[in-house]
Structure formats: structure tokens, C-alpha cells
Amino acid sequence: MNRREFLGAGLAGLTIASAMPALALPPRHKIGLQLYSLRDVIREDVKGMIETLGRWGYQELEAYGYNDGKLFGMPAKNFVKLVRDNGMQLMSGHYPLGKANTKVIGSVLNGWEKAVADAKEAGQKYMVVPYLDKSERENLDAYKWVCEQLNKAGEVTKKYGIRLQYHNHEFEFDVMEDKVPYQVMLRELDPKLVGMEMDLFWVVYAGHNPFQYFQQHPGRFEQWHVKDMDKTDRKRNADIGTGQIDFAKLFAAAKQSGMKHFYIEQETYPVDPKTSVKNSIDNLKKILA
């Protein structure tokens, strides 16, 4: 049985929480959205899209694409005002490592402190490294070097009162030199400086069990990405509540995981981005009711 075939076991593993009640999320938790979900449409009308998200009931947003003080083609402070004017908060943002992509001014390796200062001014609580280029993760030594850079960057964010985090995909679970890189990262990253934003979909897709990580590293997974898995093509997203991931059981383990904020994210869409983003919040509200 290879790792992909093991997925069934990973999904079945979600039943280990079957004894847990499907607890409603405490009121202090608010439904968020990673704006990458709308990457194909948001720039057509940034103002109109943000207004729509507020009407749909989103309360927290996670941005992407920060570069040299700008978000979505406007000064970051103007974007933040737009978000606040529509009853939401820009809680978090994604920033590249910057070794492979040197054009971004505001990555861990290029203009980091300015990016952190802008995030502080925006009222963000988190800054997240969301992805490693293949050239940035060629072997375990490369992963360890990344962790060293993130620990240093975390010292800067801590000085500003912001929490740095790392967001996973599936490749961190590909066995390398007889070890799982994600587990190496959990060991190498200083939890006082760097937290984890767990993408639940990619953990399950990789054939791993989120609950086991919650149990082995309680409190480490302070933010989540929430997206569902299509019932026939598991690499595609389903609208939340229509796929094969049991979010009621996962949210019942939120306290153990350390989760403080979460963001719906759609990378692929059953219909179109706007419809999926609307369907997902409507369905998640029912799951958490």
C-alpha cells in the first residue's frame, strides 16, 4: 500500500473522534475566508467583492499577495479600511519565503520588517508562510534551513506582537530520507516563535490523520484552513459540507489543536469561485450550529 492508497485509512481515521460530541464552535470564533479562494475574480471589483463577503457573514479575512506595501493593487491601509468598513477584520496574511521568488518586497528574506510593520498597522495578528517552491525543499537539510529562517523571522514578528506561522500542503508529508518533513518541521520550529496553520484538506489528502497531530502536538495548530474533499476526485475541493471530510468531528477537537482562527479556502470549485465561497459559509454555519 503506497501513501496515496493509504488515504482511505487516513479518512477512516477521522472516526477516532466518533466518541466526541459534535460541539458547536464557541462564539469567540468567527468564520474567516482566505481571499485566495477568489483569486480569479476579486481584482475585477475589489470593493464590491469585499462588500459582498460582509453581507454573506464572513467576519475575518486572510489576505495574500502583499508586495511593497500594497494589497490587491491599493495601499494596504486603504484595503484594511475597506475591510473594516464592511464589518470584518484582516486577521492574517500569506507571505512567501522569498528564496525562489525574489521579486516580492515583503517576504521572509526580502523586506521582512517593513512587511511586519505594515501588518501591525493593519491590525493583523498573524503572518503565514503558505508554500515552499520545489527549489526551497529539495532535501531535509533544505527544510531545516527553512525552519532556521522562520525562527529568525518569528523573532521579528514577536517584537511587533504578531505570530508567524507555517501553512502546509501535501508535499511536506512525502517521506524523504526515511522521515516525514512535516514532523521534522514540528521539531525544528521553535513553538515560542512559529506556530502552524494546518490545512486540513492537504493533511487528509496526504493520508495522514489530523487528530493524531492534535494529540501529539496539542496547541500547535493555531489556525486552520477548512476545505472539503470531492467524493470521487479527492484532489478536487467540494463545497464544505458536501464532500467526505467530517468537519463536525474536526471542530470538536479545536481546543486540543489550539485553533484560534480558521479560514474557508477553495482552491478548485464545483461551479464557480463566488458560488463555492457562498455555499461553503452557509453550509459551515449549519455544521457549527
C-alpha atoms as a PDB file:
ATOM      1  CA  MET A   1       0.000   0.000   0.000  1.00  0.00           C
ATOM      2  CA  ASN A   2       1.531   3.335  -1.032  1.00  0.00           C
ATOM      3  CA  ARG A   3       0.913   6.688   0.616  1.00  0.00           C
ATOM      4  CA  ARG A   4      -1.890   7.684  -1.771  1.00  0.00           C
ATOM      5  CA  GLU A   5      -3.646   4.355  -1.301  1.00  0.00           C
ATOM      6  CA  PHE A   6      -3.320   4.903   2.426  1.00  0.00           C
ATOM      7  CA  LEU A   7      -5.678   7.860   2.107  1.00  0.00           C
ATOM      8  CA  GLY A   8      -8.632   5.627   2.819  1.00  0.00           C
ATOM      9  CA  ALA A   9      -7.091   4.734   6.139  1.00  0.00           C
ATOM     10  CA  GLY A  10      -6.483   8.415   6.810  1.00  0.00           C
ATOM     11  CA  LEU A  11     -10.102   9.255   6.147  1.00  0.00           C
ATOM     12  CA  ALA A  12     -11.270   6.331   8.193  1.00  0.00           C
ATOM     13  CA  GLY A  13      -9.063   7.648  10.945  1.00  0.00           C
ATOM     14  CA  LEU A  14     -11.359  10.616  11.285  1.00  0.00           C
ATOM     15  CA  THR A  15     -13.758   8.257  13.035  1.00  0.00           C
ATOM     16  CA  ILE A  16     -11.435   8.109  16.030  1.00  0.00           C
ATOM     17  CA  ALA A  17     -13.239  11.203  17.207  1.00  0.00           C
ATOM     18  CA  SER A  18     -16.599   9.494  16.951  1.00  0.00           C
ATOM     19  CA  ALA A  19     -16.923   9.456  20.715  1.00  0.00           C
ATOM     20  CA  MET A  20     -16.608  13.238  20.774  1.00  0.00           C
ATOM     21  CA  PRO A  21     -19.798  15.273  20.597  1.00  0.00           C
ATOM     22  CA  ALA A  22     -20.162  17.482  17.526  1.00  0.00           C
ATOM     23  CA  LEU A  23     -19.675  20.603  19.568  1.00  0.00           C
ATOM     24  CA  ALA A  24     -20.792  23.986  18.323  1.00  0.00           C
ATOM     25  CA  LEU A  25     -17.931  26.415  17.942  1.00  0.00           C
ATOM     26  CA  PRO A  26     -17.687  28.866  20.845  1.00  0.00           C
ATOM     27  CA  PRO A  27     -18.981  32.349  19.970  1.00  0.00           C
ATOM     28  CA  ARG A  28     -15.491  33.856  20.138  1.00  0.00           C
ATOM     29  CA  HIS A  29     -14.551  32.006  16.956  1.00  0.00           C
ATOM     30  CA  LYS A  30     -15.584  33.741  13.744  1.00  0.00           C
ATOM     31  CA  ILE A  31     -15.830  32.355  10.235  1.00  0.00           C
ATOM     32  CA  GLY A  32     -12.982  33.556   8.062  1.00  0.00           C
ATOM     33  CA  LEU A  33     -12.033  33.368   4.386  1.00  0.00           C
ATOM     34  CA  GLN A  34      -8.659  33.081   2.685  1.00  0.00           C
ATOM     35  CA  LEU A  35      -9.049  35.530  -0.195  1.00  0.00           C
ATOM     36  CA  TYR A  36      -7.017  33.274  -2.484  1.00  0.00           C
ATOM     37  CA  SER A  37     -10.348  31.493  -2.913  1.00  0.00           C
ATOM     38  CA  LEU A  38     -11.407  34.455  -5.069  1.00  0.00           C
ATOM     39  CA  ARG A  39      -8.112  34.989  -6.901  1.00  0.00           C
ATOM     40  CA  ASP A  40      -9.763  34.749 -10.335  1.00  0.00           C
ATOM     41  CA  VAL A  41     -12.427  37.365  -9.663  1.00  0.00           C
ATOM     42  CA  ILE A  42     -11.507  39.697  -6.796  1.00  0.00           C
ATOM     43  CA  ARG A  43      -9.411  42.128  -8.841  1.00  0.00           C
ATOM     44  CA  GLU A  44     -12.352  42.782 -11.173  1.00  0.00           C
ATOM     45  CA  ASP A  45     -14.062  44.694  -8.365  1.00  0.00           C
ATOM     46  CA  VAL A  46     -12.215  44.618  -5.042  1.00  0.00           C
ATOM     47  CA  LYS A  47     -14.635  46.964  -3.295  1.00  0.00           C
ATOM     48  CA  GLY A  48     -17.731  45.122  -4.489  1.00  0.00           C
ATOM     49  CA  MET A  49     -16.314  41.727  -3.541  1.00  0.00           C
ATOM     50  CA  ILE A  50     -15.402  42.804  -0.008  1.00  0.00           C
ATOM     51  CA  GLU A  51     -18.857  44.316   0.456  1.00  0.00           C
ATOM     52  CA  THR A  52     -20.408  41.036  -0.696  1.00  0.00           C
ATOM     53  CA  LEU A  53     -18.321  38.949   1.716  1.00  0.00           C
ATOM     54  CA  GLY A  54     -19.501  41.134   4.581  1.00  0.00           C
ATOM     55  CA  ARG A  55     -23.132  40.603   3.568  1.00  0.00           C
ATOM     56  CA  TRP A  56     -22.614  36.848   3.394  1.00  0.00           C
ATOM     57  CA  GLY A  57     -21.457  36.781   7.006  1.00  0.00           C
ATOM     58  CA  TYR A  58     -17.697  36.458   6.822  1.00  0.00           C
ATOM     59  CA  GLN A  59     -16.080  38.150   9.806  1.00  0.00           C
ATOM     60  CA  GLU A  60     -12.342  37.600   9.356  1.00  0.00           C
ATOM     61  CA  LEU A  61     -10.178  37.609   6.251  1.00  0.00           C
ATOM     62  CA  GLU A  62      -6.757  36.266   5.385  1.00  0.00           C
ATOM     63  CA  ALA A  63      -5.000  38.101   2.572  1.00  0.00           C
ATOM     64  CA  TYR A  64      -2.404  37.036   0.035  1.00  0.00           C
ATOM     65  CA  GLY A  65      -0.265  38.874  -2.480  1.00  0.00           C
ATOM     66  CA  TYR A  66       1.255  41.597  -0.288  1.00  0.00           C
ATOM     67  CA  ASN A  67       4.057  43.360  -2.187  1.00  0.00           C
ATOM     68  CA  ASP A  68       5.880  46.560  -1.278  1.00  0.00           C
ATOM     69  CA  GLY A  69       3.099  47.964   0.892  1.00  0.00           C
ATOM     70  CA  LYS A  70       0.207  47.087  -1.419  1.00  0.00           C
ATOM     71  CA  LEU A  71      -2.654  44.593  -1.371  1.00  0.00           C
ATOM     72  CA  PHE A  72      -4.830  43.985  -4.405  1.00  0.00           C
ATOM     73  CA  GLY A  73      -3.421  46.991  -6.212  1.00  0.00           C
ATOM     74  CA  MET A  74      -4.074  49.513  -3.449  1.00  0.00           C
ATOM     75  CA  PRO A  75      -2.122  50.746  -0.436  1.00  0.00           C
ATOM     76  CA  ALA A  76      -2.505  48.137   2.295  1.00  0.00           C
ATOM     77  CA  LYS A  77      -4.011  50.660   4.724  1.00  0.00           C
ATOM     78  CA  ASN A  78      -6.742  51.503   2.185  1.00  0.00           C
ATOM     79  CA  PHE A  79      -7.595  47.835   1.768  1.00  0.00           C
ATOM     80  CA  VAL A  80      -7.732  47.398   5.546  1.00  0.00           C
ATOM     81  CA  LYS A  81     -10.127  50.346   5.826  1.00  0.00           C
ATOM     82  CA  LEU A  82     -12.357  48.777   3.174  1.00  0.00           C
ATOM     83  CA  VAL A  83     -12.441  45.516   5.143  1.00  0.00           C
ATOM     84  CA  ARG A  84     -13.226  47.296   8.409  1.00  0.00           C
ATOM     85  CA  ASP A  85     -15.923  49.440   6.802  1.00  0.00           C
ATOM     86  CA  ASN A  86     -17.698  46.208   5.896  1.00  0.00           C
ATOM     87  CA  GLY A  87     -17.639  44.778   9.422  1.00  0.00           C
ATOM     88  CA  MET A  88     -14.691  42.416   9.005  1.00  0.00           C
ATOM     89  CA  GLN A  89     -11.110  42.191  10.245  1.00  0.00           C
ATOM     90  CA  LEU A  90      -7.957  41.391   8.320  1.00  0.00           C
ATOM     91  CA  MET A  91      -6.678  38.832  10.788  1.00  0.00           C
ATOM     92  CA  SER A  92      -3.906  37.154   8.814  1.00  0.00           C
ATOM     93  CA  GLY A  93      -1.911  37.246   5.599  1.00  0.00           C
ATOM     94  CA  HIS A  94       0.277  34.999   3.461  1.00  0.00           C
ATOM     95  CA  TYR A  95       3.889  35.915   2.654  1.00  0.00           C
ATOM     96  CA  PRO A  96       6.476  33.926   0.662  1.00  0.00           C
ATOM     97  CA  LEU A  97       9.808  32.714   1.943  1.00  0.00           C
ATOM     98  CA  GLY A  98      11.449  34.638  -0.879  1.00  0.00           C
ATOM     99  CA  LYS A  99      14.371  32.420  -1.822  1.00  0.00           C
ATOM    100  CA  ALA A 100      12.769  31.329  -5.101  1.00  0.00           C
ATOM    101  CA  ASN A 101      10.657  34.436  -5.663  1.00  0.00           C
ATOM    102  CA  THR A 102      12.926  37.430  -5.223  1.00  0.00           C
ATOM    103  CA  LYS A 103      10.569  39.954  -6.839  1.00  0.00           C
ATOM    104  CA  VAL A 104       8.271  40.242  -3.842  1.00  0.00           C
ATOM    105  CA  ILE A 105       9.249  43.029  -1.459  1.00  0.00           C
ATOM    106  CA  GLY A 106       7.834  41.741   1.780  1.00  0.00           C
ATOM    107  CA  SER A 107       8.982  38.149   2.010  1.00  0.00           C
ATOM    108  CA  VAL A 108      10.832  36.466   4.859  1.00  0.00           C
ATOM    109  CA  LEU A 109      14.132  37.068   3.036  1.00  0.00           C
ATOM    110  CA  ASN A 110      13.393  40.426   1.410  1.00  0.00           C
ATOM    111  CA  GLY A 111      11.954  43.430   3.221  1.00  0.00           C
ATOM    112  CA  TRP A 112      10.517  41.401   6.066  1.00  0.00           C
ATOM    113  CA  GLU A 113      10.496  44.012   8.809  1.00  0.00           C
ATOM    114  CA  LYS A 114       8.648  46.513   6.596  1.00  0.00           C
ATOM    115  CA  ALA A 115       6.038  43.842   5.858  1.00  0.00           C
ATOM    116  CA  VAL A 116       5.725  43.113   9.574  1.00  0.00           C
ATOM    117  CA  ALA A 117       5.344  46.816  10.368  1.00  0.00           C
ATOM    118  CA  ASP A 118       2.605  47.139   7.733  1.00  0.00           C
ATOM    119  CA  ALA A 119       0.843  44.066   9.122  1.00  0.00           C
ATOM    120  CA  LYS A 120       0.979  45.578  12.595  1.00  0.00           C
ATOM    121  CA  GLU A 121      -0.516  48.824  11.323  1.00  0.00           C
ATOM    122  CA  ALA A 122      -3.252  46.803   9.620  1.00  0.00           C
ATOM    123  CA  GLY A 123      -4.146  45.127  12.908  1.00  0.00           C
ATOM    124  CA  GLN A 124      -3.121  41.657  11.770  1.00  0.00           C
ATOM    125  CA  LYS A 125      -2.420  39.052  14.405  1.00  0.00           C
ATOM    126  CA  TYR A 126      -0.760  36.514  12.100  1.00  0.00           C
ATOM    127  CA  MET A 127       1.668  36.323   9.183  1.00  0.00           C
ATOM    128  CA  VAL A 128       1.920  32.976   7.413  1.00  0.00           C
ATOM    129  CA  VAL A 129       4.408  31.395   5.025  1.00  0.00           C
ATOM    130  CA  PRO A 130       1.998  29.422   2.814  1.00  0.00           C
ATOM    131  CA  TYR A 131       4.148  27.467   0.378  1.00  0.00           C
ATOM    132  CA  LEU A 132       7.666  26.367  -0.443  1.00  0.00           C
ATOM    133  CA  ASP A 133       8.881  26.282  -4.028  1.00  0.00           C
ATOM    134  CA  LYS A 134      10.339  22.920  -5.039  1.00  0.00           C
ATOM    135  CA  SER A 135      13.794  24.503  -5.059  1.00  0.00           C
ATOM    136  CA  GLU A 136      13.292  25.503  -1.417  1.00  0.00           C
ATOM    137  CA  ARG A 137      12.610  21.933  -0.231  1.00  0.00           C
ATOM    138  CA  GLU A 138      14.957  19.657  -2.128  1.00  0.00           C
ATOM    139  CA  ASN A 139      16.046  17.637   0.934  1.00  0.00           C
ATOM    140  CA  LEU A 140      15.766  17.554   4.705  1.00  0.00           C
ATOM    141  CA  ASP A 141      18.660  19.956   5.098  1.00  0.00           C
ATOM    142  CA  ALA A 142      16.698  22.436   2.981  1.00  0.00           C
ATOM    143  CA  TYR A 143      13.684  22.041   5.271  1.00  0.00           C
ATOM    144  CA  LYS A 144      15.897  22.583   8.307  1.00  0.00           C
ATOM    145  CA  TRP A 145      17.344  25.725   6.706  1.00  0.00           C
ATOM    146  CA  VAL A 146      13.806  26.979   6.091  1.00  0.00           C
ATOM    147  CA  CYS A 147      12.974  26.373   9.743  1.00  0.00           C
ATOM    148  CA  GLU A 148      16.056  28.337  10.772  1.00  0.00           C
ATOM    149  CA  GLN A 149      14.918  31.279   8.642  1.00  0.00           C
ATOM    150  CA  LEU A 150      11.394  31.083  10.034  1.00  0.00           C
ATOM    151  CA  ASN A 151      12.664  31.067  13.607  1.00  0.00           C
ATOM    152  CA  LYS A 152      14.638  34.232  12.857  1.00  0.00           C
ATOM    153  CA  ALA A 153      11.640  35.823  11.159  1.00  0.00           C
ATOM    154  CA  GLY A 154       9.497  34.827  14.134  1.00  0.00           C
ATOM    155  CA  GLU A 155      11.738  36.846  16.409  1.00  0.00           C
ATOM    156  CA  VAL A 156      10.875  39.927  14.332  1.00  0.00           C
ATOM    157  CA  THR A 157       7.136  39.277  14.300  1.00  0.00           C
ATOM    158  CA  LYS A 158       7.168  38.623  18.045  1.00  0.00           C
ATOM    159  CA  LYS A 159       8.750  42.030  18.588  1.00  0.00           C
ATOM    160  CA  TYR A 160       5.741  43.572  16.832  1.00  0.00           C
ATOM    161  CA  GLY A 161       3.192  41.432  18.657  1.00  0.00           C
ATOM    162  CA  ILE A 162       2.415  39.291  15.611  1.00  0.00           C
ATOM    163  CA  ARG A 163       2.528  35.496  15.402  1.00  0.00           C
ATOM    164  CA  LEU A 164       4.380  33.858  12.498  1.00  0.00           C
ATOM    165  CA  GLN A 165       3.051  30.563  11.157  1.00  0.00           C
ATOM    166  CA  TYR A 166       3.711  27.938   8.508  1.00  0.00           C
ATOM    167  CA  HIS A 167       0.977  26.524   6.259  1.00  0.00           C
ATOM    168  CA  ASN A 168       1.234  23.017   4.843  1.00  0.00           C
ATOM    169  CA  HIS A 169       0.344  21.395   1.556  1.00  0.00           C
ATOM    170  CA  GLU A 170       0.704  17.673   0.837  1.00  0.00           C
ATOM    171  CA  PHE A 171       4.392  17.608  -0.111  1.00  0.00           C
ATOM    172  CA  GLU A 172       5.546  18.054   3.492  1.00  0.00           C
ATOM    173  CA  PHE A 173       4.256  14.526   4.110  1.00  0.00           C
ATOM    174  CA  ASP A 174       6.227  12.873   1.302  1.00  0.00           C
ATOM    175  CA  VAL A 175       8.757  10.615   3.001  1.00  0.00           C
ATOM    176  CA  MET A 176      12.265  11.959   2.488  1.00  0.00           C
ATOM    177  CA  GLU A 177      15.389  10.240   3.828  1.00  0.00           C
ATOM    178  CA  ASP A 178      13.087   7.918   5.815  1.00  0.00           C
ATOM    179  CA  LYS A 179      11.463  10.858   7.578  1.00  0.00           C
ATOM    180  CA  VAL A 180       8.321  12.942   7.149  1.00  0.00           C
ATOM    181  CA  PRO A 181       9.402  16.578   6.583  1.00  0.00           C
ATOM    182  CA  TYR A 182       6.348  17.938   8.396  1.00  0.00           C
ATOM    183  CA  GLN A 183       7.362  16.089  11.528  1.00  0.00           C
ATOM    184  CA  VAL A 184      10.893  17.432  11.136  1.00  0.00           C
ATOM    185  CA  MET A 185       9.473  20.948  10.889  1.00  0.00           C
ATOM    186  CA  LEU A 186       7.431  20.465  14.040  1.00  0.00           C
ATOM    187  CA  ARG A 187      10.647  19.547  15.800  1.00  0.00           C
ATOM    188  CA  GLU A 188      12.860  22.271  14.287  1.00  0.00           C
ATOM    189  CA  LEU A 189      10.463  25.199  14.532  1.00  0.00           C
ATOM    190  CA  ASP A 190      10.513  26.949  17.902  1.00  0.00           C
ATOM    191  CA  PRO A 191       6.883  26.920  19.117  1.00  0.00           C
ATOM    192  CA  LYS A 192       7.552  30.152  21.000  1.00  0.00           C
ATOM    193  CA  LEU A 193       8.288  31.861  17.688  1.00  0.00           C
ATOM    194  CA  VAL A 194       6.417  29.957  14.960  1.00  0.00           C
ATOM    195  CA  GLY A 195       3.001  28.331  15.035  1.00  0.00           C
ATOM    196  CA  MET A 196       1.279  26.161  12.450  1.00  0.00           C
ATOM    197  CA  GLU A 197      -1.630  26.890  10.153  1.00  0.00           C
ATOM    198  CA  MET A 198      -2.944  23.409   9.378  1.00  0.00           C
ATOM    199  CA  ASP A 199      -4.600  22.894   6.022  1.00  0.00           C
ATOM    200  CA  LEU A 200      -6.902  20.032   6.974  1.00  0.00           C
ATOM    201  CA  PHE A 201      -7.617  19.054   3.377  1.00  0.00           C
ATOM    202  CA  TRP A 202      -3.968  18.529   2.454  1.00  0.00           C
ATOM    203  CA  VAL A 203      -3.235  16.557   5.624  1.00  0.00           C
ATOM    204  CA  VAL A 204      -6.069  14.161   4.817  1.00  0.00           C
ATOM    205  CA  TYR A 205      -5.122  14.043   1.123  1.00  0.00           C
ATOM    206  CA  ALA A 206      -1.601  13.014   2.115  1.00  0.00           C
ATOM    207  CA  GLY A 207      -3.020  10.043   4.005  1.00  0.00           C
ATOM    208  CA  HIS A 208      -2.382  11.442   7.476  1.00  0.00           C
ATOM    209  CA  ASN A 209      -4.746  11.946  10.382  1.00  0.00           C
ATOM    210  CA  PRO A 210      -5.215  15.472  11.779  1.00  0.00           C
ATOM    211  CA  PHE A 211      -6.328  14.081  15.145  1.00  0.00           C
ATOM    212  CA  GLN A 212      -3.012  12.301  15.647  1.00  0.00           C
ATOM    213  CA  TYR A 213      -1.177  15.601  15.180  1.00  0.00           C
ATOM    214  CA  PHE A 214      -3.546  17.326  17.588  1.00  0.00           C
ATOM    215  CA  GLN A 215      -2.848  14.633  20.169  1.00  0.00           C
ATOM    216  CA  GLN A 216       0.915  14.554  19.652  1.00  0.00           C
ATOM    217  CA  HIS A 217       1.361  18.335  19.435  1.00  0.00           C
ATOM    218  CA  PRO A 218      -1.535  19.896  21.363  1.00  0.00           C
ATOM    219  CA  GLY A 219      -1.850  23.625  20.980  1.00  0.00           C
ATOM    220  CA  ARG A 220       0.479  23.915  17.964  1.00  0.00           C
ATOM    221  CA  PHE A 221      -2.163  24.378  15.249  1.00  0.00           C
ATOM    222  CA  GLU A 222      -3.441  27.872  15.978  1.00  0.00           C
ATOM    223  CA  GLN A 223      -5.058  28.485  12.603  1.00  0.00           C
ATOM    224  CA  TRP A 224      -6.787  26.144  10.171  1.00  0.00           C
ATOM    225  CA  HIS A 225      -7.643  26.125   6.510  1.00  0.00           C
ATOM    226  CA  VAL A 226     -11.015  24.496   6.017  1.00  0.00           C
ATOM    227  CA  LYS A 227     -11.912  22.985   2.668  1.00  0.00           C
ATOM    228  CA  ASP A 228     -13.746  19.822   1.742  1.00  0.00           C
ATOM    229  CA  MET A 229     -12.750  16.896  -0.485  1.00  0.00           C
ATOM    230  CA  ASP A 230     -14.756  15.788  -3.504  1.00  0.00           C
ATOM    231  CA  LYS A 231     -16.260  12.324  -3.043  1.00  0.00           C
ATOM    232  CA  THR A 232     -14.971  10.977  -6.361  1.00  0.00           C
ATOM    233  CA  ASP A 233     -11.909  13.069  -7.251  1.00  0.00           C
ATOM    234  CA  ARG A 234     -10.139  13.570  -3.944  1.00  0.00           C
ATOM    235  CA  LYS A 235      -7.695  16.176  -5.256  1.00  0.00           C
ATOM    236  CA  ARG A 236     -10.599  18.484  -6.012  1.00  0.00           C
ATOM    237  CA  ASN A 237     -12.439  20.566  -3.447  1.00  0.00           C
ATOM    238  CA  ALA A 238     -16.109  20.171  -2.722  1.00  0.00           C
ATOM    239  CA  ASP A 239     -18.168  22.935  -1.203  1.00  0.00           C
ATOM    240  CA  ILE A 240     -17.857  22.499   2.548  1.00  0.00           C
ATOM    241  CA  GLY A 241     -20.401  20.018   3.862  1.00  0.00           C
ATOM    242  CA  THR A 242     -20.859  18.221   0.537  1.00  0.00           C
ATOM    243  CA  GLY A 243     -17.618  16.222   0.499  1.00  0.00           C
ATOM    244  CA  GLN A 244     -16.031  13.439   2.518  1.00  0.00           C
ATOM    245  CA  ILE A 245     -14.368  15.287   5.417  1.00  0.00           C
ATOM    246  CA  ASP A 246     -16.294  15.304   8.689  1.00  0.00           C
ATOM    247  CA  PHE A 247     -15.875  18.851   9.938  1.00  0.00           C
ATOM    248  CA  ALA A 248     -18.186  18.416  12.924  1.00  0.00           C
ATOM    249  CA  LYS A 249     -15.714  15.929  14.396  1.00  0.00           C
ATOM    250  CA  LEU A 250     -12.720  18.068  13.497  1.00  0.00           C
ATOM    251  CA  PHE A 251     -14.184  21.161  15.121  1.00  0.00           C
ATOM    252  CA  ALA A 252     -14.934  19.106  18.221  1.00  0.00           C
ATOM    253  CA  ALA A 253     -11.137  18.806  18.568  1.00  0.00           C
ATOM    254  CA  ALA A 254     -10.498  22.520  18.003  1.00  0.00           C
ATOM    255  CA  LYS A 255      -9.499  23.222  21.597  1.00  0.00           C
ATOM    256  CA  GLN A 256      -6.989  20.374  21.715  1.00  0.00           C
ATOM    257  CA  SER A 257      -5.418  21.509  18.455  1.00  0.00           C
ATOM    258  CA  GLY A 258      -5.015  25.058  19.750  1.00  0.00           C
ATOM    259  CA  MET A 259      -7.116  26.537  16.950  1.00  0.00           C
ATOM    260  CA  LYS A 260      -7.970  30.200  17.455  1.00  0.00           C
ATOM    261  CA  HIS A 261      -8.959  31.214  13.924  1.00  0.00           C
ATOM    262  CA  PHE A 262      -9.893  29.392  10.741  1.00  0.00           C
ATOM    263  CA  TYR A 263     -10.441  30.289   7.122  1.00  0.00           C
ATOM    264  CA  ILE A 264     -12.539  28.659   4.461  1.00  0.00           C
ATOM    265  CA  GLU A 265     -10.414  28.182   1.369  1.00  0.00           C
ATOM    266  CA  GLN A 266     -11.398  26.912  -2.057  1.00  0.00           C
ATOM    267  CA  GLU A 267      -8.615  26.057  -4.485  1.00  0.00           C
ATOM    268  CA  THR A 268     -10.905  24.342  -7.001  1.00  0.00           C
ATOM    269  CA  TYR A 269     -14.629  24.855  -7.466  1.00  0.00           C
ATOM    270  CA  PRO A 270     -17.628  22.617  -8.229  1.00  0.00           C
ATOM    271  CA  VAL A 271     -19.272  25.555 -10.021  1.00  0.00           C
ATOM    272  CA  ASP A 272     -17.516  28.922  -9.745  1.00  0.00           C
ATOM    273  CA  PRO A 273     -15.498  30.747  -7.029  1.00  0.00           C
ATOM    274  CA  LYS A 274     -18.254  33.050  -5.776  1.00  0.00           C
ATOM    275  CA  THR A 275     -20.848  30.291  -5.561  1.00  0.00           C
ATOM    276  CA  SER A 276     -18.458  27.984  -3.692  1.00  0.00           C
ATOM    277  CA  VAL A 277     -17.486  30.705  -1.224  1.00  0.00           C
ATOM    278  CA  LYS A 278     -21.171  31.451  -0.564  1.00  0.00           C
ATOM    279  CA  ASN A 279     -22.216  27.786  -0.333  1.00  0.00           C
ATOM    280  CA  SER A 280     -19.331  26.962   1.987  1.00  0.00           C
ATOM    281  CA  ILE A 281     -20.124  29.594   4.605  1.00  0.00           C
ATOM    282  CA  ASP A 282     -23.837  28.738   4.511  1.00  0.00           C
ATOM    283  CA  ASN A 283     -23.103  25.037   4.986  1.00  0.00           C
ATOM    284  CA  LEU A 284     -20.478  25.595   7.685  1.00  0.00           C
ATOM    285  CA  LYS A 285     -22.873  27.730   9.699  1.00  0.00           C
ATOM    286  CA  LYS A 286     -25.243  24.762   9.785  1.00  0.00           C
ATOM    287  CA  ILE A 287     -22.476  22.331  10.758  1.00  0.00           C
ATOM    288  CA  LEU A 288     -21.411  24.538  13.654  1.00  0.00           C
ATOM    289  CA  ALA A 289     -24.939  25.424  14.790  1.00  0.00           C
END
